[in-house]
Amino acid sequence: MLKNKKYFTKKSFWIWISLVSLALASPNVMIIRMFVAGDVDPFFWVLMRSLTVAIVCLPLLIIWRKKISKPEILRDVIFSGAMMAIAIIAHTKAIELSSASYVAVIALAYPIFLVTISAWMFRERITRRALAGIGLGALGGAMLVLLPLAVSTGSIGFNLPATILGLINLVGFTLVTANMRRLNEQNVPLALQIGVSSIIMVLVAGLLIMVGGVQPPVKMGLDLWLAATYSGVGVMLLIRWASTAAYSHIGGVMMGAFNYVEVFLAILLPVFILGEKLSLSMVIGGVLIVAGVYLLGNHKNPERLNNRRQV
């Protein structure tokens, strides 16, 4: 009885960690949009964001360098870094080509990706109720793509390049999250993984800047650096650490459902602050996916997760 009480107390702790971290990450899309829609090139933004993380994590990389000395571990860590670089660049470009709300609605499909890969990689059991939620969410995701092809209303219509980039971002982040969880459970600290990823992102963004002849912003004030630090150290490092650690303890189904705390706020903030409007297709698709995640978040997982996690 005492063991069960400790289990649920610990699980409740990680539930709150995931909810708070996702809520704190919600302004990130809007902040990116505010700068990349101006005179800040998306590649330069990624460089600034990842550079702040690399600087903070450099001492940890030196201290924990032996933890990635094995070739197979180093290979997996580099894979996560490469996928994260692709995902973040795709995410930033998608925001530049469309809007914060458009990208946020595409992100509504993220829990479906996360639940699917959790069942595959970690053998997490999914009930029929969860399957119904995934199906309903998938229908909503299809509505986001198919409905605008037939009818386009509102100020935000279907944007094919932004949609493709958004889907690349979803696939990339799903693979990164699952791979980071797996490495974390093999005693490779999350901060170390994120630090290596940030260095890879600095190199990739720097190369793209040189090849594309990208010029730095005309004005690099304190507001730009504060925004990059929030998006980098705040979201990419601290919030990703917290959410991935929570993912190890509460599982993909519940973590996927909680992701909508961030998505809802990410959609609402640009509407109220930036004056953006939601199209009919986005609303219909969003409602369907939210209904699906409600089923996912309220199903009972018959199997307990292993509580012995390295965070």
C-alpha atoms as a PDB file:
ATOM      1  CA  MET A   1       0.000   0.000   0.000  1.00  0.00           C
ATOM      2  CA  LEU A   2       2.826   2.347   0.944  1.00  0.00           C
ATOM      3  CA  LYS A   3       4.634   1.439  -2.275  1.00  0.00           C
ATOM      4  CA  ASN A   4       1.560   2.327  -4.326  1.00  0.00           C
ATOM      5  CA  LYS A   5       1.228   5.654  -2.517  1.00  0.00           C
ATOM      6  CA  LYS A   6       4.862   6.531  -3.236  1.00  0.00           C
ATOM      7  CA  TYR A   7       4.374   5.574  -6.889  1.00  0.00           C
ATOM      8  CA  PHE A   8       1.370   7.830  -7.383  1.00  0.00           C
ATOM      9  CA  THR A   9       2.990  10.676  -5.412  1.00  0.00           C
ATOM     10  CA  LYS A  10       6.041  10.525  -7.666  1.00  0.00           C
ATOM     11  CA  LYS A  11       3.855  10.296 -10.756  1.00  0.00           C
ATOM     12  CA  SER A  12       1.849  13.337  -9.631  1.00  0.00           C
ATOM     13  CA  PHE A  13       5.085  15.264  -9.217  1.00  0.00           C
ATOM     14  CA  TRP A  14       6.123  14.544 -12.808  1.00  0.00           C
ATOM     15  CA  ILE A  15       2.635  15.339 -14.077  1.00  0.00           C
ATOM     16  CA  TRP A  16       2.937  18.823 -12.597  1.00  0.00           C
ATOM     17  CA  ILE A  17       6.479  19.185 -13.946  1.00  0.00           C
ATOM     18  CA  SER A  18       5.239  18.379 -17.461  1.00  0.00           C
ATOM     19  CA  LEU A  19       2.252  20.739 -17.227  1.00  0.00           C
ATOM     20  CA  VAL A  20       4.291  23.676 -15.915  1.00  0.00           C
ATOM     21  CA  SER A  21       7.121  23.154 -18.414  1.00  0.00           C
ATOM     22  CA  LEU A  22       4.756  22.963 -21.377  1.00  0.00           C
ATOM     23  CA  ALA A  23       2.877  26.059 -20.225  1.00  0.00           C
ATOM     24  CA  LEU A  24       6.141  28.012 -19.896  1.00  0.00           C
ATOM     25  CA  ALA A  25       7.121  26.973 -23.431  1.00  0.00           C
ATOM     26  CA  SER A  26       3.893  28.238 -24.999  1.00  0.00           C
ATOM     27  CA  PRO A  27       5.090  31.801 -25.863  1.00  0.00           C
ATOM     28  CA  ASN A  28       8.057  30.432 -27.821  1.00  0.00           C
ATOM     29  CA  VAL A  29       6.285  30.205 -31.202  1.00  0.00           C
ATOM     30  CA  MET A  30       4.929  33.728 -30.876  1.00  0.00           C
ATOM     31  CA  ILE A  31       8.338  35.140 -29.901  1.00  0.00           C
ATOM     32  CA  ILE A  32      10.021  33.434 -32.857  1.00  0.00           C
ATOM     33  CA  ARG A  33       7.380  34.873 -35.172  1.00  0.00           C
ATOM     34  CA  MET A  34       7.898  38.387 -33.804  1.00  0.00           C
ATOM     35  CA  PHE A  35      11.596  38.349 -34.707  1.00  0.00           C
ATOM     36  CA  VAL A  36      11.833  36.215 -37.859  1.00  0.00           C
ATOM     37  CA  ALA A  37       8.977  38.204 -39.397  1.00  0.00           C
ATOM     38  CA  GLY A  38      11.199  41.270 -39.023  1.00  0.00           C
ATOM     39  CA  ASP A  39      14.855  41.596 -39.990  1.00  0.00           C
ATOM     40  CA  VAL A  40      16.138  38.436 -38.244  1.00  0.00           C
ATOM     41  CA  ASP A  41      16.880  35.589 -40.661  1.00  0.00           C
ATOM     42  CA  PRO A  42      15.596  32.171 -39.433  1.00  0.00           C
ATOM     43  CA  PHE A  43      19.081  30.646 -39.707  1.00  0.00           C
ATOM     44  CA  PHE A  44      20.586  33.487 -37.703  1.00  0.00           C
ATOM     45  CA  TRP A  45      17.872  33.055 -35.064  1.00  0.00           C
ATOM     46  CA  VAL A  46      18.687  29.347 -34.762  1.00  0.00           C
ATOM     47  CA  LEU A  47      22.380  30.228 -34.432  1.00  0.00           C
ATOM     48  CA  MET A  48      21.722  32.708 -31.614  1.00  0.00           C
ATOM     49  CA  ARG A  49      19.324  30.373 -29.833  1.00  0.00           C
ATOM     50  CA  SER A  50      21.609  27.346 -29.940  1.00  0.00           C
ATOM     51  CA  LEU A  51      24.683  29.410 -29.087  1.00  0.00           C
ATOM     52  CA  THR A  52      23.195  30.405 -25.726  1.00  0.00           C
ATOM     53  CA  VAL A  53      22.615  26.732 -24.919  1.00  0.00           C
ATOM     54  CA  ALA A  54      26.108  25.689 -26.057  1.00  0.00           C
ATOM     55  CA  ILE A  55      27.714  28.296 -23.800  1.00  0.00           C
ATOM     56  CA  VAL A  56      25.711  27.196 -20.751  1.00  0.00           C
ATOM     57  CA  CYS A  57      26.276  23.470 -21.395  1.00  0.00           C
ATOM     58  CA  LEU A  58      29.989  23.644 -22.249  1.00  0.00           C
ATOM     59  CA  PRO A  59      31.167  22.978 -18.641  1.00  0.00           C
ATOM     60  CA  LEU A  60      28.835  19.948 -18.457  1.00  0.00           C
ATOM     61  CA  LEU A  61      30.213  18.608 -21.732  1.00  0.00           C
ATOM     62  CA  ILE A  62      33.727  18.772 -20.297  1.00  0.00           C
ATOM     63  CA  ILE A  63      32.725  17.132 -17.002  1.00  0.00           C
ATOM     64  CA  TRP A  64      30.592  14.365 -18.569  1.00  0.00           C
ATOM     65  CA  ARG A  65      32.619  13.746 -21.724  1.00  0.00           C
ATOM     66  CA  LYS A  66      33.380  10.147 -20.692  1.00  0.00           C
ATOM     67  CA  LYS A  67      29.668   9.288 -20.717  1.00  0.00           C
ATOM     68  CA  ILE A  68      29.644   9.544 -24.510  1.00  0.00           C
ATOM     69  CA  SER A  69      33.005   7.865 -25.075  1.00  0.00           C
ATOM     70  CA  LYS A  70      31.381   4.665 -26.364  1.00  0.00           C
ATOM     71  CA  PRO A  71      30.955   4.801 -30.172  1.00  0.00           C
ATOM     72  CA  GLU A  72      27.309   3.609 -30.104  1.00  0.00           C
ATOM     73  CA  ILE A  73      26.345   6.193 -27.460  1.00  0.00           C
ATOM     74  CA  LEU A  74      28.164   8.990 -29.298  1.00  0.00           C
ATOM     75  CA  ARG A  75      26.453   7.963 -32.538  1.00  0.00           C
ATOM     76  CA  ASP A  76      22.995   8.119 -30.958  1.00  0.00           C
ATOM     77  CA  VAL A  77      23.720  11.474 -29.293  1.00  0.00           C
ATOM     78  CA  ILE A  78      24.925  12.927 -32.608  1.00  0.00           C
ATOM     79  CA  PHE A  79      21.809  11.528 -34.310  1.00  0.00           C
ATOM     80  CA  SER A  80      19.623  13.379 -31.786  1.00  0.00           C
ATOM     81  CA  GLY A  81      21.576  16.560 -32.388  1.00  0.00           C
ATOM     82  CA  ALA A  82      21.268  16.312 -36.163  1.00  0.00           C
ATOM     83  CA  MET A  83      17.528  15.603 -35.985  1.00  0.00           C
ATOM     84  CA  MET A  84      17.012  18.455 -33.538  1.00  0.00           C
ATOM     85  CA  ALA A  85      18.840  20.834 -35.871  1.00  0.00           C
ATOM     86  CA  ILE A  86      16.638  19.769 -38.790  1.00  0.00           C
ATOM     87  CA  ALA A  87      13.477  20.028 -36.679  1.00  0.00           C
ATOM     88  CA  ILE A  88      14.248  23.477 -35.246  1.00  0.00           C
ATOM     89  CA  ILE A  89      15.286  24.934 -38.601  1.00  0.00           C
ATOM     90  CA  ALA A  90      12.122  23.517 -40.225  1.00  0.00           C
ATOM     91  CA  HIS A  91      10.030  24.908 -37.361  1.00  0.00           C
ATOM     92  CA  THR A  92      11.547  28.379 -37.638  1.00  0.00           C
ATOM     93  CA  LYS A  93      11.183  28.501 -41.435  1.00  0.00           C
ATOM     94  CA  ALA A  94       7.568  27.316 -41.179  1.00  0.00           C
ATOM     95  CA  ILE A  95       6.784  30.201 -38.830  1.00  0.00           C
ATOM     96  CA  GLU A  96       8.487  32.641 -41.207  1.00  0.00           C
ATOM     97  CA  LEU A  97       6.445  31.373 -44.180  1.00  0.00           C
ATOM     98  CA  SER A  98       3.070  31.303 -42.404  1.00  0.00           C
ATOM     99  CA  SER A  99       2.117  32.422 -38.907  1.00  0.00           C
ATOM    100  CA  ALA A 100       2.485  31.401 -35.276  1.00  0.00           C
ATOM    101  CA  SER A 101      -1.103  30.121 -35.173  1.00  0.00           C
ATOM    102  CA  TYR A 102      -0.741  28.068 -38.369  1.00  0.00           C
ATOM    103  CA  VAL A 103       2.367  26.284 -37.054  1.00  0.00           C
ATOM    104  CA  ALA A 104       0.765  25.783 -33.643  1.00  0.00           C
ATOM    105  CA  VAL A 105      -2.234  24.040 -35.194  1.00  0.00           C
ATOM    106  CA  ILE A 106       0.030  21.711 -37.201  1.00  0.00           C
ATOM    107  CA  ALA A 107       1.723  20.876 -33.892  1.00  0.00           C
ATOM    108  CA  LEU A 108      -1.621  19.517 -32.640  1.00  0.00           C
ATOM    109  CA  ALA A 109      -0.677  16.244 -34.365  1.00  0.00           C
ATOM    110  CA  TYR A 110       2.474  15.864 -32.241  1.00  0.00           C
ATOM    111  CA  PRO A 111       0.837  13.667 -29.547  1.00  0.00           C
ATOM    112  CA  ILE A 112      -0.235  11.183 -32.213  1.00  0.00           C
ATOM    113  CA  PHE A 113       3.376  10.862 -33.353  1.00  0.00           C
ATOM    114  CA  LEU A 114       4.610  10.590 -29.755  1.00  0.00           C
ATOM    115  CA  VAL A 115       2.097   7.925 -28.712  1.00  0.00           C
ATOM    116  CA  THR A 116       2.878   5.864 -31.807  1.00  0.00           C
ATOM    117  CA  ILE A 117       6.639   5.891 -31.325  1.00  0.00           C
ATOM    118  CA  SER A 118       6.244   5.233 -27.574  1.00  0.00           C
ATOM    119  CA  ALA A 119       4.270   2.089 -28.315  1.00  0.00           C
ATOM    120  CA  TRP A 120       6.920   0.992 -30.821  1.00  0.00           C
ATOM    121  CA  MET A 121      10.137   1.853 -28.960  1.00  0.00           C
ATOM    122  CA  PHE A 122       9.118   1.368 -25.325  1.00  0.00           C
ATOM    123  CA  ARG A 123       6.345  -1.200 -25.719  1.00  0.00           C
ATOM    124  CA  GLU A 124       3.849   1.074 -23.997  1.00  0.00           C
ATOM    125  CA  ARG A 125       0.462  -0.607 -24.119  1.00  0.00           C
ATOM    126  CA  ILE A 126      -2.343   1.383 -25.738  1.00  0.00           C
ATOM    127  CA  THR A 127      -5.969   0.617 -24.856  1.00  0.00           C
ATOM    128  CA  ARG A 128      -8.913   0.680 -27.262  1.00  0.00           C
ATOM    129  CA  ARG A 129      -9.943   4.031 -25.836  1.00  0.00           C
ATOM    130  CA  ALA A 130      -6.478   5.369 -26.605  1.00  0.00           C
ATOM    131  CA  LEU A 131      -6.665   3.976 -30.134  1.00  0.00           C
ATOM    132  CA  ALA A 132     -10.004   5.747 -30.606  1.00  0.00           C
ATOM    133  CA  GLY A 133      -8.373   8.973 -29.459  1.00  0.00           C
ATOM    134  CA  ILE A 134      -5.472   8.510 -31.875  1.00  0.00           C
ATOM    135  CA  GLY A 135      -7.903   7.851 -34.740  1.00  0.00           C
ATOM    136  CA  LEU A 136      -9.952  10.933 -33.939  1.00  0.00           C
ATOM    137  CA  GLY A 137      -6.813  13.019 -33.650  1.00  0.00           C
ATOM    138  CA  ALA A 138      -5.523  11.673 -36.968  1.00  0.00           C
ATOM    139  CA  LEU A 139      -8.824  12.660 -38.587  1.00  0.00           C
ATOM    140  CA  GLY A 140      -8.379  16.157 -37.251  1.00  0.00           C
ATOM    141  CA  GLY A 141      -4.856  16.263 -38.632  1.00  0.00           C
ATOM    142  CA  ALA A 142      -6.141  15.188 -42.042  1.00  0.00           C
ATOM    143  CA  MET A 143      -8.741  17.959 -41.887  1.00  0.00           C
ATOM    144  CA  LEU A 144      -5.971  20.491 -41.436  1.00  0.00           C
ATOM    145  CA  VAL A 145      -4.498  19.455 -44.774  1.00  0.00           C
ATOM    146  CA  LEU A 146      -7.450  18.255 -46.853  1.00  0.00           C
ATOM    147  CA  LEU A 147     -10.188  20.745 -45.951  1.00  0.00           C
ATOM    148  CA  PRO A 148      -8.238  23.839 -47.038  1.00  0.00           C
ATOM    149  CA  LEU A 149      -7.765  22.250 -50.451  1.00  0.00           C
ATOM    150  CA  ALA A 150     -11.545  22.263 -50.890  1.00  0.00           C
ATOM    151  CA  VAL A 151     -12.568  25.419 -49.019  1.00  0.00           C
ATOM    152  CA  SER A 152     -10.298  28.179 -47.794  1.00  0.00           C
ATOM    153  CA  THR A 153     -11.821  30.811 -45.514  1.00  0.00           C
ATOM    154  CA  GLY A 154     -10.413  33.193 -42.996  1.00  0.00           C
ATOM    155  CA  SER A 155      -7.150  35.115 -43.068  1.00  0.00           C
ATOM    156  CA  ILE A 156      -4.959  32.014 -42.844  1.00  0.00           C
ATOM    157  CA  GLY A 157      -5.299  29.661 -45.809  1.00  0.00           C
ATOM    158  CA  PHE A 158      -3.518  26.428 -46.628  1.00  0.00           C
ATOM    159  CA  ASN A 159       0.246  26.905 -46.936  1.00  0.00           C
ATOM    160  CA  LEU A 160       1.926  23.885 -48.522  1.00  0.00           C
ATOM    161  CA  PRO A 161       5.604  24.783 -47.799  1.00  0.00           C
ATOM    162  CA  ALA A 162       4.817  25.665 -44.175  1.00  0.00           C
ATOM    163  CA  THR A 163       2.789  22.459 -43.769  1.00  0.00           C
ATOM    164  CA  ILE A 164       5.625  20.302 -45.114  1.00  0.00           C
ATOM    165  CA  LEU A 165       8.147  22.036 -42.866  1.00  0.00           C
ATOM    166  CA  GLY A 166       5.773  21.673 -39.922  1.00  0.00           C
ATOM    167  CA  LEU A 167       5.476  17.930 -40.522  1.00  0.00           C
ATOM    168  CA  ILE A 168       9.269  17.617 -40.805  1.00  0.00           C
ATOM    169  CA  ASN A 169       9.484  19.383 -37.470  1.00  0.00           C
ATOM    170  CA  LEU A 170       6.976  16.959 -35.917  1.00  0.00           C
ATOM    171  CA  VAL A 171       8.771  13.846 -37.151  1.00  0.00           C
ATOM    172  CA  GLY A 172      12.164  15.223 -36.150  1.00  0.00           C
ATOM    173  CA  PHE A 173      11.139  16.223 -32.640  1.00  0.00           C
ATOM    174  CA  THR A 174       9.335  12.934 -32.061  1.00  0.00           C
ATOM    175  CA  LEU A 175      12.456  10.960 -32.970  1.00  0.00           C
ATOM    176  CA  VAL A 176      14.620  13.283 -30.865  1.00  0.00           C
ATOM    177  CA  THR A 177      12.352  13.032 -27.820  1.00  0.00           C
ATOM    178  CA  ALA A 178      12.134   9.240 -27.956  1.00  0.00           C
ATOM    179  CA  ASN A 179      15.870   8.840 -28.574  1.00  0.00           C
ATOM    180  CA  MET A 180      16.729  11.229 -25.732  1.00  0.00           C
ATOM    181  CA  ARG A 181      14.465   9.302 -23.374  1.00  0.00           C
ATOM    182  CA  ARG A 182      16.114   6.025 -24.366  1.00  0.00           C
ATOM    183  CA  LEU A 183      19.610   7.433 -23.844  1.00  0.00           C
ATOM    184  CA  ASN A 184      18.541   9.007 -20.552  1.00  0.00           C
ATOM    185  CA  GLU A 185      17.427   5.596 -19.329  1.00  0.00           C
ATOM    186  CA  GLN A 186      20.924   4.362 -20.278  1.00  0.00           C
ATOM    187  CA  ASN A 187      22.422   6.929 -17.875  1.00  0.00           C
ATOM    188  CA  VAL A 188      23.313   9.550 -20.490  1.00  0.00           C
ATOM    189  CA  PRO A 189      22.215  12.854 -18.840  1.00  0.00           C
ATOM    190  CA  LEU A 190      19.705  14.929 -20.740  1.00  0.00           C
ATOM    191  CA  ALA A 191      21.720  18.124 -20.249  1.00  0.00           C
ATOM    192  CA  LEU A 192      24.691  16.434 -21.917  1.00  0.00           C
ATOM    193  CA  GLN A 193      22.560  15.346 -24.873  1.00  0.00           C
ATOM    194  CA  ILE A 194      21.077  18.811 -25.284  1.00  0.00           C
ATOM    195  CA  GLY A 195      24.542  20.373 -25.037  1.00  0.00           C
ATOM    196  CA  VAL A 196      25.869  18.199 -27.874  1.00  0.00           C
ATOM    197  CA  SER A 197      22.747  18.978 -29.913  1.00  0.00           C
ATOM    198  CA  SER A 198      23.256  22.712 -29.426  1.00  0.00           C
ATOM    199  CA  ILE A 199      26.825  22.519 -30.743  1.00  0.00           C
ATOM    200  CA  ILE A 200      25.619  20.615 -33.817  1.00  0.00           C
ATOM    201  CA  MET A 201      22.943  23.248 -34.360  1.00  0.00           C
ATOM    202  CA  VAL A 202      25.522  26.049 -34.107  1.00  0.00           C
ATOM    203  CA  LEU A 203      27.632  24.331 -36.776  1.00  0.00           C
ATOM    204  CA  VAL A 204      24.662  23.626 -39.082  1.00  0.00           C
ATOM    205  CA  ALA A 205      23.183  27.123 -38.733  1.00  0.00           C
ATOM    206  CA  GLY A 206      26.610  28.705 -39.211  1.00  0.00           C
ATOM    207  CA  LEU A 207      27.165  26.712 -42.399  1.00  0.00           C
ATOM    208  CA  LEU A 208      23.758  27.695 -43.776  1.00  0.00           C
ATOM    209  CA  ILE A 209      24.461  31.340 -42.972  1.00  0.00           C
ATOM    210  CA  MET A 210      27.784  31.263 -44.835  1.00  0.00           C
ATOM    211  CA  VAL A 211      26.373  29.396 -47.838  1.00  0.00           C
ATOM    212  CA  GLY A 212      23.324  31.640 -48.066  1.00  0.00           C
ATOM    213  CA  GLY A 213      25.233  34.853 -47.448  1.00  0.00           C
ATOM    214  CA  VAL A 214      22.903  35.748 -44.581  1.00  0.00           C
ATOM    215  CA  GLN A 215      23.559  39.110 -42.963  1.00  0.00           C
ATOM    216  CA  PRO A 216      23.132  39.683 -39.221  1.00  0.00           C
ATOM    217  CA  PRO A 217      20.228  41.868 -38.066  1.00  0.00           C
ATOM    218  CA  VAL A 218      20.730  45.593 -38.409  1.00  0.00           C
ATOM    219  CA  LYS A 219      19.953  46.040 -34.732  1.00  0.00           C
ATOM    220  CA  MET A 220      20.949  43.366 -32.206  1.00  0.00           C
ATOM    221  CA  GLY A 221      19.545  44.878 -29.050  1.00  0.00           C
ATOM    222  CA  LEU A 222      18.974  43.476 -25.592  1.00  0.00           C
ATOM    223  CA  ASP A 223      15.432  42.407 -26.504  1.00  0.00           C
ATOM    224  CA  LEU A 224      16.744  40.097 -29.249  1.00  0.00           C
ATOM    225  CA  TRP A 225      19.295  38.471 -26.983  1.00  0.00           C
ATOM    226  CA  LEU A 226      16.755  38.045 -24.171  1.00  0.00           C
ATOM    227  CA  ALA A 227      14.343  36.398 -26.609  1.00  0.00           C
ATOM    228  CA  ALA A 228      17.081  34.101 -27.936  1.00  0.00           C
ATOM    229  CA  THR A 229      18.082  33.192 -24.372  1.00  0.00           C
ATOM    230  CA  TYR A 230      14.494  32.360 -23.447  1.00  0.00           C
ATOM    231  CA  SER A 231      14.053  30.282 -26.599  1.00  0.00           C
ATOM    232  CA  GLY A 232      17.448  28.640 -26.122  1.00  0.00           C
ATOM    233  CA  VAL A 233      18.324  28.200 -22.447  1.00  0.00           C
ATOM    234  CA  GLY A 234      14.706  28.421 -21.326  1.00  0.00           C
ATOM    235  CA  VAL A 235      12.871  26.288 -23.890  1.00  0.00           C
ATOM    236  CA  MET A 236      15.530  24.191 -25.618  1.00  0.00           C
ATOM    237  CA  LEU A 237      17.505  23.357 -22.453  1.00  0.00           C
ATOM    238  CA  LEU A 238      15.469  23.659 -19.247  1.00  0.00           C
ATOM    239  CA  ILE A 239      11.956  22.995 -20.537  1.00  0.00           C
ATOM    240  CA  ARG A 240      13.080  20.195 -22.868  1.00  0.00           C
ATOM    241  CA  TRP A 241      14.983  18.620 -19.970  1.00  0.00           C
ATOM    242  CA  ALA A 242      11.897  18.761 -17.751  1.00  0.00           C
ATOM    243  CA  SER A 243       9.448  17.494 -20.382  1.00  0.00           C
ATOM    244  CA  THR A 244      11.698  14.630 -21.503  1.00  0.00           C
ATOM    245  CA  ALA A 245      12.337  13.577 -17.905  1.00  0.00           C
ATOM    246  CA  ALA A 246       8.582  13.636 -17.280  1.00  0.00           C
ATOM    247  CA  TYR A 247       8.054  11.578 -20.438  1.00  0.00           C
ATOM    248  CA  SER A 248      10.180   8.803 -18.898  1.00  0.00           C
ATOM    249  CA  HIS A 249       7.926   8.671 -15.845  1.00  0.00           C
ATOM    250  CA  ILE A 250       4.390   9.234 -17.099  1.00  0.00           C
ATOM    251  CA  GLY A 251       4.588   7.725 -20.606  1.00  0.00           C
ATOM    252  CA  GLY A 252       3.815   8.817 -24.126  1.00  0.00           C
ATOM    253  CA  VAL A 253       0.002   8.728 -23.925  1.00  0.00           C
ATOM    254  CA  MET A 254      -0.262  11.122 -20.988  1.00  0.00           C
ATOM    255  CA  MET A 255       2.630  13.288 -22.169  1.00  0.00           C
ATOM    256  CA  GLY A 256       1.015  13.576 -25.567  1.00  0.00           C
ATOM    257  CA  ALA A 257      -2.251  14.672 -24.011  1.00  0.00           C
ATOM    258  CA  PHE A 258      -0.533  17.280 -21.847  1.00  0.00           C
ATOM    259  CA  ASN A 259       1.193  18.716 -24.912  1.00  0.00           C
ATOM    260  CA  TYR A 260      -2.086  20.502 -25.687  1.00  0.00           C
ATOM    261  CA  VAL A 261      -1.550  22.820 -22.738  1.00  0.00           C
ATOM    262  CA  GLU A 262       1.296  24.318 -24.762  1.00  0.00           C
ATOM    263  CA  VAL A 263      -0.560  24.119 -28.078  1.00  0.00           C
ATOM    264  CA  PHE A 264      -3.685  25.847 -26.782  1.00  0.00           C
ATOM    265  CA  LEU A 265      -1.687  28.699 -25.303  1.00  0.00           C
ATOM    266  CA  ALA A 266       0.508  28.905 -28.410  1.00  0.00           C
ATOM    267  CA  ILE A 267      -2.646  29.367 -30.492  1.00  0.00           C
ATOM    268  CA  LEU A 268      -4.373  31.820 -28.168  1.00  0.00           C
ATOM    269  CA  LEU A 269      -1.414  34.115 -27.480  1.00  0.00           C
ATOM    270  CA  PRO A 270      -0.869  35.186 -31.137  1.00  0.00           C
ATOM    271  CA  VAL A 271      -4.611  35.691 -31.576  1.00  0.00           C
ATOM    272  CA  PHE A 272      -4.848  38.083 -28.620  1.00  0.00           C
ATOM    273  CA  ILE A 273      -1.405  39.707 -28.844  1.00  0.00           C
ATOM    274  CA  LEU A 274      -0.525  39.697 -32.567  1.00  0.00           C
ATOM    275  CA  GLY A 275      -4.078  40.055 -33.869  1.00  0.00           C
ATOM    276  CA  GLU A 276      -3.953  36.840 -35.931  1.00  0.00           C
ATOM    277  CA  LYS A 277      -7.180  35.044 -36.901  1.00  0.00           C
ATOM    278  CA  LEU A 278      -7.965  31.345 -37.068  1.00  0.00           C
ATOM    279  CA  SER A 279      -9.334  29.906 -40.279  1.00  0.00           C
ATOM    280  CA  LEU A 280     -12.333  27.572 -40.298  1.00  0.00           C
ATOM    281  CA  SER A 281     -10.180  24.613 -41.316  1.00  0.00           C
ATOM    282  CA  MET A 282      -7.804  25.196 -38.412  1.00  0.00           C
ATOM    283  CA  VAL A 283     -10.683  25.380 -35.949  1.00  0.00           C
ATOM    284  CA  ILE A 284     -12.346  22.181 -37.226  1.00  0.00           C
ATOM    285  CA  GLY A 285      -9.078  20.256 -37.312  1.00  0.00           C
ATOM    286  CA  GLY A 286      -8.105  21.533 -33.879  1.00  0.00           C
ATOM    287  CA  VAL A 287     -11.442  20.566 -32.331  1.00  0.00           C
ATOM    288  CA  LEU A 288     -11.178  17.020 -33.703  1.00  0.00           C
ATOM    289  CA  ILE A 289      -7.628  16.566 -32.455  1.00  0.00           C
ATOM    290  CA  VAL A 290      -8.490  17.993 -29.033  1.00  0.00           C
ATOM    291  CA  ALA A 291     -11.379  15.540 -28.800  1.00  0.00           C
ATOM    292  CA  GLY A 292      -8.937  12.764 -29.622  1.00  0.00           C
ATOM    293  CA  VAL A 293      -6.439  13.861 -26.999  1.00  0.00           C
ATOM    294  CA  TYR A 294      -9.243  13.997 -24.429  1.00  0.00           C
ATOM    295  CA  LEU A 295      -9.768  10.292 -25.001  1.00  0.00           C
ATOM    296  CA  LEU A 296      -6.015   9.698 -24.802  1.00  0.00           C
ATOM    297  CA  GLY A 297      -5.607  11.635 -21.583  1.00  0.00           C
ATOM    298  CA  ASN A 298      -8.485   9.921 -19.788  1.00  0.00           C
ATOM    299  CA  HIS A 299      -7.752   6.295 -20.604  1.00  0.00           C
ATOM    300  CA  LYS A 300      -6.319   4.008 -17.928  1.00  0.00           C
ATOM    301  CA  ASN A 301      -2.962   2.502 -18.701  1.00  0.00           C
ATOM    302  CA  PRO A 302      -2.997  -1.049 -17.318  1.00  0.00           C
ATOM    303  CA  GLU A 303       0.754  -1.156 -17.027  1.00  0.00           C
ATOM    304  CA  ARG A 304       2.927   0.851 -14.693  1.00  0.00           C
ATOM    305  CA  LEU A 305       6.078   2.432 -15.957  1.00  0.00           C
ATOM    306  CA  ASN A 306       9.424   1.598 -14.487  1.00  0.00           C
ATOM    307  CA  ASN A 307      10.134   4.308 -11.931  1.00  0.00           C
ATOM    308  CA  ARG A 308      13.853   3.869 -11.913  1.00  0.00           C
ATOM    309  CA  ARG A 309      14.813   6.602 -14.329  1.00  0.00           C
ATOM    310  CA  GLN A 310      17.951   8.662 -14.760  1.00  0.00           C
ATOM    311  CA  VAL A 311      17.129  12.352 -15.060  1.00  0.00           C
END
